Amino acid sequence: MVSPLAPTYGAWLVSVWFATILYGVGLLQTWLYFHWYSSDHWGVRLTVVALILLETLHISFLFASTYNSFVNNFGNASTIFMVTWLDSAQLLAGYLSAFIVQSYFAWCLFLLNKKQKKVTLLIMALALAQIGAGLAQTINITVLGTLLKIEATKPALIFQSAATLSCDAVITIALYLTLRSKRTGMDSTNTLLQKLTVIAVNRGAFTTLGAAVNMTLFLALPGTFYYLLGLMTSSKLYLNSMLATLNTRQHIKQTAHDSERAWNSIHLAGLSTVPNGTGTTMLTAYNSEDTKSNRILNGSLVENMI
């Protein structure tokens, strides 16, 4: 027999399970980041610290709220759906995490192409819209005092989800187009750009999916908590998407470097029959200078992108 709580607190527990797994992955990625990139700019490291602190608070408040519902209020039907400060705090922490990551990628886009200021401003406007709607949602649910009246917060929740989805979609499309516009005749740079593009699309796909699941399930299944599958895990997806992007830098650089070395060896070997070695000497000088500038370009792309 299916429990009558399955569509509500059953979905809640499944959401907590997914969020906990993603938080664990985020902790591992955070450790790897500080282990591998201890010399990163203080601004990036501070952003990562702020994110992991917010996500630690988020999962802690989430567990405390769950404990309060199932242990402290066990068998008390009149209080099981009551909203406490723990619920409000975990909501706000999740929205703040999303805002930080969206702002970070807006900055990356600005560094990649400073001429596209309008795109950066659009992303920041959408990010501010989602955090503003998230704050309104938090205040609304706190004032209502019960999760049974969650439908009354529908405008704020839908607006927040739509702003989040739109922001992530704009970031993904802008990164894709910007990276494609920087393709050159160099194999190493194109290899690097291809990998950065795949990472950008994957990053945007996961966070956009979280917002879409949240909004779709809230509209399609009113009176249930299935939408929490997207809401509770959304901030963890942001954390992991940013850290995964940061932690893949060394691999991307190495791949581009290997491609660069292969390109050099092929072209130099092809001129081994030129008389007196003059052609080889000239190409070696040219190739060395070209490789140097290409390496600088590749490094700049990786650092600005991630």
C-alpha atoms as a PDB file:
ATOM      1  CA  MET A   1       0.000   0.000   0.000  1.00  0.00           C
ATOM      2  CA  VAL A   2       1.355   3.395  -1.003  1.00  0.00           C
ATOM      3  CA  SER A   3       1.604   5.895   1.828  1.00  0.00           C
ATOM      4  CA  PRO A   4      -0.431   9.102   1.430  1.00  0.00           C
ATOM      5  CA  LEU A   5       2.802  10.939   2.213  1.00  0.00           C
ATOM      6  CA  ALA A   6       4.591   9.489  -0.841  1.00  0.00           C
ATOM      7  CA  PRO A   7       3.846  12.476  -3.143  1.00  0.00           C
ATOM      8  CA  THR A   8       4.943  14.924  -0.435  1.00  0.00           C
ATOM      9  CA  TYR A   9       7.497  13.791   2.119  1.00  0.00           C
ATOM     10  CA  GLY A  10       8.325  10.705   0.069  1.00  0.00           C
ATOM     11  CA  ALA A  11       9.452  12.995  -2.751  1.00  0.00           C
ATOM     12  CA  TRP A  12      11.148  15.182  -0.127  1.00  0.00           C
ATOM     13  CA  LEU A  13      13.300  12.273   1.116  1.00  0.00           C
ATOM     14  CA  VAL A  14      14.283  11.235  -2.412  1.00  0.00           C
ATOM     15  CA  SER A  15      15.288  14.833  -3.129  1.00  0.00           C
ATOM     16  CA  VAL A  16      17.394  14.943   0.049  1.00  0.00           C
ATOM     17  CA  TRP A  17      19.100  11.713  -1.049  1.00  0.00           C
ATOM     18  CA  PHE A  18      20.051  13.141  -4.455  1.00  0.00           C
ATOM     19  CA  ALA A  19      21.150  16.445  -2.906  1.00  0.00           C
ATOM     20  CA  THR A  20      23.366  14.615  -0.406  1.00  0.00           C
ATOM     21  CA  ILE A  21      25.089  12.611  -3.146  1.00  0.00           C
ATOM     22  CA  LEU A  22      25.768  15.756  -5.178  1.00  0.00           C
ATOM     23  CA  TYR A  23      27.050  17.535  -2.055  1.00  0.00           C
ATOM     24  CA  GLY A  24      29.494  14.677  -1.458  1.00  0.00           C
ATOM     25  CA  VAL A  25      30.743  14.970  -5.037  1.00  0.00           C
ATOM     26  CA  GLY A  26      31.097  18.715  -4.490  1.00  0.00           C
ATOM     27  CA  LEU A  27      33.202  18.172  -1.364  1.00  0.00           C
ATOM     28  CA  LEU A  28      35.543  15.893  -3.288  1.00  0.00           C
ATOM     29  CA  GLN A  29      35.832  18.406  -6.119  1.00  0.00           C
ATOM     30  CA  THR A  30      36.526  21.201  -3.623  1.00  0.00           C
ATOM     31  CA  TRP A  31      39.383  19.224  -2.065  1.00  0.00           C
ATOM     32  CA  LEU A  32      40.816  18.470  -5.509  1.00  0.00           C
ATOM     33  CA  TYR A  33      40.581  22.134  -6.470  1.00  0.00           C
ATOM     34  CA  PHE A  34      42.548  23.409  -3.479  1.00  0.00           C
ATOM     35  CA  HIS A  35      45.004  20.523  -3.836  1.00  0.00           C
ATOM     36  CA  TRP A  36      45.679  21.131  -7.538  1.00  0.00           C
ATOM     37  CA  TYR A  37      45.254  24.894  -7.864  1.00  0.00           C
ATOM     38  CA  SER A  38      46.509  26.398  -4.604  1.00  0.00           C
ATOM     39  CA  SER A  39      48.077  29.298  -6.531  1.00  0.00           C
ATOM     40  CA  ASP A  40      44.828  30.455  -8.166  1.00  0.00           C
ATOM     41  CA  HIS A  41      43.732  34.065  -7.898  1.00  0.00           C
ATOM     42  CA  TRP A  42      42.337  34.841  -4.458  1.00  0.00           C
ATOM     43  CA  GLY A  43      39.035  35.953  -5.988  1.00  0.00           C
ATOM     44  CA  VAL A  44      38.394  32.537  -7.525  1.00  0.00           C
ATOM     45  CA  ARG A  45      39.420  30.708  -4.343  1.00  0.00           C
ATOM     46  CA  LEU A  46      37.200  32.971  -2.249  1.00  0.00           C
ATOM     47  CA  THR A  47      34.285  32.244  -4.591  1.00  0.00           C
ATOM     48  CA  VAL A  48      34.810  28.497  -4.141  1.00  0.00           C
ATOM     49  CA  VAL A  49      34.994  28.911  -0.344  1.00  0.00           C
ATOM     50  CA  ALA A  50      31.762  30.943  -0.328  1.00  0.00           C
ATOM     51  CA  LEU A  51      30.031  28.308  -2.461  1.00  0.00           C
ATOM     52  CA  ILE A  52      31.038  25.325  -0.349  1.00  0.00           C
ATOM     53  CA  LEU A  53      30.074  27.179   2.851  1.00  0.00           C
ATOM     54  CA  LEU A  54      26.646  28.018   1.422  1.00  0.00           C
ATOM     55  CA  GLU A  55      26.129  24.432   0.263  1.00  0.00           C
ATOM     56  CA  THR A  56      27.227  23.089   3.652  1.00  0.00           C
ATOM     57  CA  LEU A  57      24.679  25.355   5.320  1.00  0.00           C
ATOM     58  CA  HIS A  58      22.069  24.308   2.747  1.00  0.00           C
ATOM     59  CA  ILE A  59      22.484  20.564   3.337  1.00  0.00           C
ATOM     60  CA  SER A  60      22.746  21.067   7.114  1.00  0.00           C
ATOM     61  CA  PHE A  61      19.507  23.060   7.261  1.00  0.00           C
ATOM     62  CA  LEU A  62      17.891  20.480   4.987  1.00  0.00           C
ATOM     63  CA  PHE A  63      18.807  17.604   7.284  1.00  0.00           C
ATOM     64  CA  ALA A  64      17.782  19.570  10.375  1.00  0.00           C
ATOM     65  CA  SER A  65      14.394  20.358   8.831  1.00  0.00           C
ATOM     66  CA  THR A  66      13.902  16.695   7.868  1.00  0.00           C
ATOM     67  CA  TYR A  67      14.836  15.573  11.404  1.00  0.00           C
ATOM     68  CA  ASN A  68      12.413  18.092  12.855  1.00  0.00           C
ATOM     69  CA  SER A  69       9.558  16.803  10.680  1.00  0.00           C
ATOM     70  CA  PHE A  70      10.136  13.069  11.095  1.00  0.00           C
ATOM     71  CA  VAL A  71      11.532  12.866  14.630  1.00  0.00           C
ATOM     72  CA  ASN A  72      10.559  15.896  16.704  1.00  0.00           C
ATOM     73  CA  ASN A  73       7.065  16.031  15.177  1.00  0.00           C
ATOM     74  CA  PHE A  74       6.592  12.316  14.553  1.00  0.00           C
ATOM     75  CA  GLY A  75       2.877  11.432  14.572  1.00  0.00           C
ATOM     76  CA  ASN A  76       1.863  15.070  14.916  1.00  0.00           C
ATOM     77  CA  ALA A  77      -0.087  15.701  11.719  1.00  0.00           C
ATOM     78  CA  SER A  78      -0.811  19.318  12.614  1.00  0.00           C
ATOM     79  CA  THR A  79       2.878  20.336  12.573  1.00  0.00           C
ATOM     80  CA  ILE A  80       4.479  18.038   9.984  1.00  0.00           C
ATOM     81  CA  PHE A  81       3.978  20.561   7.170  1.00  0.00           C
ATOM     82  CA  MET A  82       4.859  23.591   9.278  1.00  0.00           C
ATOM     83  CA  VAL A  83       7.515  25.897   7.819  1.00  0.00           C
ATOM     84  CA  THR A  84      10.369  26.722  10.188  1.00  0.00           C
ATOM     85  CA  TRP A  85      13.347  29.046   9.836  1.00  0.00           C
ATOM     86  CA  LEU A  86      15.357  26.006   8.722  1.00  0.00           C
ATOM     87  CA  ASP A  87      13.241  25.679   5.577  1.00  0.00           C
ATOM     88  CA  SER A  88      13.580  29.373   4.776  1.00  0.00           C
ATOM     89  CA  ALA A  89      17.338  29.344   5.388  1.00  0.00           C
ATOM     90  CA  GLN A  90      18.008  26.365   3.119  1.00  0.00           C
ATOM     91  CA  LEU A  91      15.942  27.926   0.331  1.00  0.00           C
ATOM     92  CA  LEU A  92      17.867  31.195   0.510  1.00  0.00           C
ATOM     93  CA  ALA A  93      21.262  29.419   0.622  1.00  0.00           C
ATOM     94  CA  GLY A  94      20.395  27.527  -2.573  1.00  0.00           C
ATOM     95  CA  TYR A  95      19.327  30.666  -4.425  1.00  0.00           C
ATOM     96  CA  LEU A  96      22.508  32.485  -3.347  1.00  0.00           C
ATOM     97  CA  SER A  97      24.678  29.634  -4.671  1.00  0.00           C
ATOM     98  CA  ALA A  98      23.014  29.854  -8.071  1.00  0.00           C
ATOM     99  CA  PHE A  99      23.522  33.625  -8.151  1.00  0.00           C
ATOM    100  CA  ILE A 100      27.235  33.340  -7.338  1.00  0.00           C
ATOM    101  CA  VAL A 101      27.894  30.776 -10.085  1.00  0.00           C
ATOM    102  CA  GLN A 102      25.876  32.697 -12.675  1.00  0.00           C
ATOM    103  CA  SER A 103      27.789  35.878 -11.814  1.00  0.00           C
ATOM    104  CA  TYR A 104      31.087  34.010 -12.094  1.00  0.00           C
ATOM    105  CA  PHE A 105      30.334  32.768 -15.613  1.00  0.00           C
ATOM    106  CA  ALA A 106      29.115  36.233 -16.611  1.00  0.00           C
ATOM    107  CA  TRP A 107      32.547  37.529 -15.594  1.00  0.00           C
ATOM    108  CA  CYS A 108      34.270  34.761 -17.577  1.00  0.00           C
ATOM    109  CA  LEU A 109      32.296  35.733 -20.671  1.00  0.00           C
ATOM    110  CA  PHE A 110      33.258  39.369 -20.200  1.00  0.00           C
ATOM    111  CA  LEU A 111      36.950  38.415 -20.030  1.00  0.00           C
ATOM    112  CA  LEU A 112      36.641  36.267 -23.154  1.00  0.00           C
ATOM    113  CA  ASN A 113      35.049  39.050 -25.174  1.00  0.00           C
ATOM    114  CA  LYS A 114      34.919  42.493 -23.573  1.00  0.00           C
ATOM    115  CA  LYS A 115      33.056  43.867 -26.578  1.00  0.00           C
ATOM    116  CA  GLN A 116      29.944  41.863 -25.664  1.00  0.00           C
ATOM    117  CA  LYS A 117      29.012  43.950 -22.649  1.00  0.00           C
ATOM    118  CA  LYS A 118      25.308  43.683 -23.455  1.00  0.00           C
ATOM    119  CA  VAL A 119      25.420  39.894 -23.081  1.00  0.00           C
ATOM    120  CA  THR A 120      27.149  40.191 -19.709  1.00  0.00           C
ATOM    121  CA  LEU A 121      24.594  42.766 -18.562  1.00  0.00           C
ATOM    122  CA  LEU A 122      21.731  40.517 -19.729  1.00  0.00           C
ATOM    123  CA  ILE A 123      23.128  37.576 -17.772  1.00  0.00           C
ATOM    124  CA  MET A 124      23.553  39.702 -14.641  1.00  0.00           C
ATOM    125  CA  ALA A 125      20.021  41.079 -15.035  1.00  0.00           C
ATOM    126  CA  LEU A 126      18.619  37.532 -15.215  1.00  0.00           C
ATOM    127  CA  ALA A 127      20.786  36.444 -12.273  1.00  0.00           C
ATOM    128  CA  LEU A 128      19.506  39.372 -10.202  1.00  0.00           C
ATOM    129  CA  ALA A 129      15.951  38.529 -11.271  1.00  0.00           C
ATOM    130  CA  GLN A 130      16.302  34.929 -10.078  1.00  0.00           C
ATOM    131  CA  ILE A 131      17.821  35.890  -6.708  1.00  0.00           C
ATOM    132  CA  GLY A 132      15.159  38.573  -6.275  1.00  0.00           C
ATOM    133  CA  ALA A 133      12.360  36.101  -7.044  1.00  0.00           C
ATOM    134  CA  GLY A 134      14.073  33.549  -4.786  1.00  0.00           C
ATOM    135  CA  LEU A 135      14.081  36.037  -1.931  1.00  0.00           C
ATOM    136  CA  ALA A 136      10.393  36.787  -2.560  1.00  0.00           C
ATOM    137  CA  GLN A 137       9.658  33.041  -2.573  1.00  0.00           C
ATOM    138  CA  THR A 138      11.500  32.628   0.729  1.00  0.00           C
ATOM    139  CA  ILE A 139       9.589  35.501   2.340  1.00  0.00           C
ATOM    140  CA  ASN A 140       6.241  34.249   0.991  1.00  0.00           C
ATOM    141  CA  ILE A 141       6.650  30.706   2.306  1.00  0.00           C
ATOM    142  CA  THR A 142       7.859  32.038   5.671  1.00  0.00           C
ATOM    143  CA  VAL A 143       4.808  34.286   6.026  1.00  0.00           C
ATOM    144  CA  LEU A 144       2.412  31.494   5.004  1.00  0.00           C
ATOM    145  CA  GLY A 145       3.941  29.216   7.625  1.00  0.00           C
ATOM    146  CA  THR A 146       2.891  25.939   5.994  1.00  0.00           C
ATOM    147  CA  LEU A 147       3.968  23.895   2.984  1.00  0.00           C
ATOM    148  CA  LEU A 148       0.317  23.020   2.331  1.00  0.00           C
ATOM    149  CA  LYS A 149      -0.156  26.548   0.938  1.00  0.00           C
ATOM    150  CA  ILE A 150       2.797  26.366  -1.419  1.00  0.00           C
ATOM    151  CA  GLU A 151       0.464  27.015  -4.385  1.00  0.00           C
ATOM    152  CA  ALA A 152       0.046  30.577  -3.133  1.00  0.00           C
ATOM    153  CA  THR A 153       3.731  31.212  -3.931  1.00  0.00           C
ATOM    154  CA  LYS A 154       3.299  30.053  -7.530  1.00  0.00           C
ATOM    155  CA  PRO A 155       4.086  33.414  -9.230  1.00  0.00           C
ATOM    156  CA  ALA A 156       7.395  33.842  -7.383  1.00  0.00           C
ATOM    157  CA  LEU A 157       8.465  30.220  -7.843  1.00  0.00           C
ATOM    158  CA  ILE A 158       7.650  30.170 -11.563  1.00  0.00           C
ATOM    159  CA  PHE A 159       9.360  33.506 -12.134  1.00  0.00           C
ATOM    160  CA  GLN A 160      12.466  32.338 -10.240  1.00  0.00           C
ATOM    161  CA  SER A 161      12.635  29.083 -12.226  1.00  0.00           C
ATOM    162  CA  ALA A 162      12.086  30.869 -15.541  1.00  0.00           C
ATOM    163  CA  ALA A 163      14.771  33.464 -14.759  1.00  0.00           C
ATOM    164  CA  THR A 164      17.204  30.724 -13.733  1.00  0.00           C
ATOM    165  CA  LEU A 165      16.505  28.678 -16.861  1.00  0.00           C
ATOM    166  CA  SER A 166      16.853  31.738 -19.106  1.00  0.00           C
ATOM    167  CA  CYS A 167      20.078  32.847 -17.441  1.00  0.00           C
ATOM    168  CA  ASP A 168      21.713  29.424 -17.822  1.00  0.00           C
ATOM    169  CA  ALA A 169      20.539  29.146 -21.417  1.00  0.00           C
ATOM    170  CA  VAL A 170      22.011  32.579 -22.287  1.00  0.00           C
ATOM    171  CA  ILE A 171      25.314  31.690 -20.577  1.00  0.00           C
ATOM    172  CA  THR A 172      25.544  28.406 -22.488  1.00  0.00           C
ATOM    173  CA  ILE A 173      24.696  29.912 -25.886  1.00  0.00           C
ATOM    174  CA  ALA A 174      27.003  32.891 -25.347  1.00  0.00           C
ATOM    175  CA  LEU A 175      29.925  30.662 -24.341  1.00  0.00           C
ATOM    176  CA  TYR A 176      29.323  28.395 -27.318  1.00  0.00           C
ATOM    177  CA  LEU A 177      29.232  31.259 -29.828  1.00  0.00           C
ATOM    178  CA  THR A 178      32.175  33.097 -28.250  1.00  0.00           C
ATOM    179  CA  LEU A 179      34.395  30.032 -28.251  1.00  0.00           C
ATOM    180  CA  ARG A 180      33.485  29.151 -31.841  1.00  0.00           C
ATOM    181  CA  SER A 181      34.381  32.667 -32.944  1.00  0.00           C
ATOM    182  CA  LYS A 182      37.923  32.208 -31.620  1.00  0.00           C
ATOM    183  CA  ARG A 183      38.796  29.221 -33.810  1.00  0.00           C
ATOM    184  CA  THR A 184      42.120  29.591 -35.656  1.00  0.00           C
ATOM    185  CA  GLY A 185      44.223  27.569 -38.080  1.00  0.00           C
ATOM    186  CA  MET A 186      46.155  25.989 -35.215  1.00  0.00           C
ATOM    187  CA  ASP A 187      45.244  22.414 -34.284  1.00  0.00           C
ATOM    188  CA  SER A 188      46.126  22.850 -30.614  1.00  0.00           C
ATOM    189  CA  THR A 189      43.918  25.936 -30.214  1.00  0.00           C
ATOM    190  CA  ASN A 190      41.011  24.300 -32.029  1.00  0.00           C
ATOM    191  CA  THR A 191      41.359  21.177 -29.874  1.00  0.00           C
ATOM    192  CA  LEU A 192      41.319  23.321 -26.759  1.00  0.00           C
ATOM    193  CA  LEU A 193      38.300  25.299 -27.991  1.00  0.00           C
ATOM    194  CA  GLN A 194      36.428  22.101 -28.797  1.00  0.00           C
ATOM    195  CA  LYS A 195      36.939  20.790 -25.274  1.00  0.00           C
ATOM    196  CA  LEU A 196      35.988  24.106 -23.698  1.00  0.00           C
ATOM    197  CA  THR A 197      32.834  24.174 -25.811  1.00  0.00           C
ATOM    198  CA  VAL A 198      31.826  20.674 -24.707  1.00  0.00           C
ATOM    199  CA  ILE A 199      32.377  21.641 -21.063  1.00  0.00           C
ATOM    200  CA  ALA A 200      30.350  24.846 -21.486  1.00  0.00           C
ATOM    201  CA  VAL A 201      27.412  23.023 -23.090  1.00  0.00           C
ATOM    202  CA  ASN A 202      27.425  20.233 -20.498  1.00  0.00           C
ATOM    203  CA  ARG A 203      27.604  22.745 -17.647  1.00  0.00           C
ATOM    204  CA  GLY A 204      24.626  24.658 -18.972  1.00  0.00           C
ATOM    205  CA  ALA A 205      22.652  21.502 -19.772  1.00  0.00           C
ATOM    206  CA  PHE A 206      22.683  20.209 -16.190  1.00  0.00           C
ATOM    207  CA  THR A 207      21.812  23.483 -14.462  1.00  0.00           C
ATOM    208  CA  THR A 208      19.166  24.340 -17.055  1.00  0.00           C
ATOM    209  CA  LEU A 209      17.663  20.875 -16.618  1.00  0.00           C
ATOM    210  CA  GLY A 210      17.422  21.417 -12.863  1.00  0.00           C
ATOM    211  CA  ALA A 211      15.447  24.631 -13.336  1.00  0.00           C
ATOM    212  CA  ALA A 212      13.234  23.003 -15.989  1.00  0.00           C
ATOM    213  CA  VAL A 213      12.446  20.015 -13.748  1.00  0.00           C
ATOM    214  CA  ASN A 214      11.586  22.337 -10.863  1.00  0.00           C
ATOM    215  CA  MET A 215       9.172  24.448 -12.924  1.00  0.00           C
ATOM    216  CA  THR A 216       7.639  21.572 -14.919  1.00  0.00           C
ATOM    217  CA  LEU A 217       6.879  19.338 -11.931  1.00  0.00           C
ATOM    218  CA  PHE A 218       5.489  22.246  -9.909  1.00  0.00           C
ATOM    219  CA  LEU A 219       3.004  23.038 -12.695  1.00  0.00           C
ATOM    220  CA  ALA A 220       2.256  19.446 -13.741  1.00  0.00           C
ATOM    221  CA  LEU A 221       1.849  17.928 -10.260  1.00  0.00           C
ATOM    222  CA  PRO A 222       0.283  20.560  -7.968  1.00  0.00           C
ATOM    223  CA  GLY A 223      -0.140  19.645  -4.332  1.00  0.00           C
ATOM    224  CA  THR A 224       2.963  17.435  -4.339  1.00  0.00           C
ATOM    225  CA  PHE A 225       6.651  17.901  -3.543  1.00  0.00           C
ATOM    226  CA  TYR A 226       8.011  16.288  -6.702  1.00  0.00           C
ATOM    227  CA  TYR A 227       9.278  19.673  -7.861  1.00  0.00           C
ATOM    228  CA  LEU A 228      11.833  19.468  -5.030  1.00  0.00           C
ATOM    229  CA  LEU A 229      13.771  16.995  -7.178  1.00  0.00           C
ATOM    230  CA  GLY A 230      14.832  20.008  -9.206  1.00  0.00           C
ATOM    231  CA  LEU A 231      14.836  22.650  -6.459  1.00  0.00           C
ATOM    232  CA  MET A 232      16.875  20.844  -3.782  1.00  0.00           C
ATOM    233  CA  THR A 233      19.497  19.557  -6.196  1.00  0.00           C
ATOM    234  CA  SER A 234      19.794  22.726  -8.293  1.00  0.00           C
ATOM    235  CA  SER A 235      22.361  24.517  -6.133  1.00  0.00           C
ATOM    236  CA  LYS A 236      24.481  21.338  -5.933  1.00  0.00           C
ATOM    237  CA  LEU A 237      24.500  21.187  -9.734  1.00  0.00           C
ATOM    238  CA  TYR A 238      25.798  24.770  -9.805  1.00  0.00           C
ATOM    239  CA  LEU A 239      28.530  23.924  -7.302  1.00  0.00           C
ATOM    240  CA  ASN A 240      29.656  20.854  -9.226  1.00  0.00           C
ATOM    241  CA  SER A 241      29.453  22.519 -12.643  1.00  0.00           C
ATOM    242  CA  MET A 242      31.748  25.349 -11.563  1.00  0.00           C
ATOM    243  CA  LEU A 243      34.233  23.081  -9.770  1.00  0.00           C
ATOM    244  CA  ALA A 244      34.303  20.574 -12.630  1.00  0.00           C
ATOM    245  CA  THR A 245      35.129  23.428 -14.992  1.00  0.00           C
ATOM    246  CA  LEU A 246      37.903  24.687 -12.719  1.00  0.00           C
ATOM    247  CA  ASN A 247      39.372  21.242 -12.110  1.00  0.00           C
ATOM    248  CA  THR A 248      39.651  20.269 -15.785  1.00  0.00           C
ATOM    249  CA  ARG A 249      42.047  23.092 -16.689  1.00  0.00           C
ATOM    250  CA  GLN A 250      45.229  21.062 -16.396  1.00  0.00           C
ATOM    251  CA  HIS A 251      43.831  18.244 -18.522  1.00  0.00           C
ATOM    252  CA  ILE A 252      42.655  20.677 -21.210  1.00  0.00           C
ATOM    253  CA  LYS A 253      46.013  22.458 -21.298  1.00  0.00           C
ATOM    254  CA  GLN A 254      47.866  19.145 -21.551  1.00  0.00           C
ATOM    255  CA  THR A 255      45.655  17.979 -24.412  1.00  0.00           C
ATOM    256  CA  ALA A 256      46.272  21.224 -26.303  1.00  0.00           C
ATOM    257  CA  HIS A 257      50.012  20.943 -25.613  1.00  0.00           C
ATOM    258  CA  ASP A 258      50.122  17.360 -26.918  1.00  0.00           C
ATOM    259  CA  SER A 259      48.290  18.443 -30.074  1.00  0.00           C
ATOM    260  CA  GLU A 260      50.742  21.319 -30.474  1.00  0.00           C
ATOM    261  CA  ARG A 261      53.748  18.984 -30.176  1.00  0.00           C
ATOM    262  CA  ALA A 262      52.254  16.584 -32.729  1.00  0.00           C
ATOM    263  CA  TRP A 263      51.677  19.452 -35.179  1.00  0.00           C
ATOM    264  CA  ASN A 264      55.249  20.671 -34.781  1.00  0.00           C
ATOM    265  CA  SER A 265      56.817  17.240 -35.264  1.00  0.00           C
ATOM    266  CA  ILE A 266      54.814  16.552 -38.432  1.00  0.00           C
ATOM    267  CA  HIS A 267      55.772  19.821 -40.102  1.00  0.00           C
ATOM    268  CA  LEU A 268      59.441  19.693 -39.154  1.00  0.00           C
ATOM    269  CA  ALA A 269      59.816  16.089 -40.286  1.00  0.00           C
ATOM    270  CA  GLY A 270      58.279  16.993 -43.628  1.00  0.00           C
ATOM    271  CA  LEU A 271      61.150  19.400 -44.411  1.00  0.00           C
ATOM    272  CA  SER A 272      64.007  17.037 -43.604  1.00  0.00           C
ATOM    273  CA  THR A 273      64.950  16.838 -47.312  1.00  0.00           C
ATOM    274  CA  VAL A 274      65.308  20.589 -47.928  1.00  0.00           C
ATOM    275  CA  PRO A 275      68.902  21.324 -49.170  1.00  0.00           C
ATOM    276  CA  ASN A 276      71.383  22.754 -46.635  1.00  0.00           C
ATOM    277  CA  GLY A 277      68.708  22.689 -43.983  1.00  0.00           C
ATOM    278  CA  THR A 278      67.861  26.319 -44.749  1.00  0.00           C
ATOM    279  CA  GLY A 279      64.143  25.695 -45.068  1.00  0.00           C
ATOM    280  CA  THR A 280      64.174  23.674 -41.881  1.00  0.00           C
ATOM    281  CA  THR A 281      65.956  26.449 -40.008  1.00  0.00           C
ATOM    282  CA  MET A 282      63.526  29.092 -41.249  1.00  0.00           C
ATOM    283  CA  LEU A 283      60.466  27.017 -40.447  1.00  0.00           C
ATOM    284  CA  THR A 284      61.867  26.084 -37.049  1.00  0.00           C
ATOM    285  CA  ALA A 285      62.219  29.768 -36.175  1.00  0.00           C
ATOM    286  CA  TYR A 286      58.759  30.536 -37.533  1.00  0.00           C
ATOM    287  CA  ASN A 287      57.208  27.496 -35.893  1.00  0.00           C
ATOM    288  CA  SER A 288      58.843  28.271 -32.555  1.00  0.00           C
ATOM    289  CA  GLU A 289      57.479  31.818 -32.582  1.00  0.00           C
ATOM    290  CA  ASP A 290      54.052  30.636 -33.739  1.00  0.00           C
ATOM    291  CA  THR A 291      54.003  27.965 -31.047  1.00  0.00           C
ATOM    292  CA  LYS A 292      54.892  30.549 -28.413  1.00  0.00           C
ATOM    293  CA  SER A 293      52.063  32.892 -29.410  1.00  0.00           C
ATOM    294  CA  ASN A 294      49.674  29.977 -29.741  1.00  0.00           C
ATOM    295  CA  ARG A 295      50.550  28.755 -26.247  1.00  0.00           C
ATOM    296  CA  ILE A 296      49.882  32.229 -24.872  1.00  0.00           C
ATOM    297  CA  LEU A 297      46.508  32.284 -26.649  1.00  0.00           C
ATOM    298  CA  ASN A 298      45.602  28.836 -25.320  1.00  0.00           C
ATOM    299  CA  GLY A 299      46.561  29.772 -21.773  1.00  0.00           C
ATOM    300  CA  SER A 300      44.521  32.962 -21.995  1.00  0.00           C
ATOM    301  CA  LEU A 301      41.471  31.102 -23.273  1.00  0.00           C
ATOM    302  CA  VAL A 302      41.597  28.528 -20.494  1.00  0.00           C
ATOM    303  CA  GLU A 303      42.180  31.050 -17.694  1.00  0.00           C
ATOM    304  CA  ASN A 304      39.462  33.419 -18.898  1.00  0.00           C
ATOM    305  CA  MET A 305      36.979  30.647 -19.568  1.00  0.00           C
ATOM    306  CA  ILE A 306      37.543  28.933 -16.232  1.00  0.00           C
END
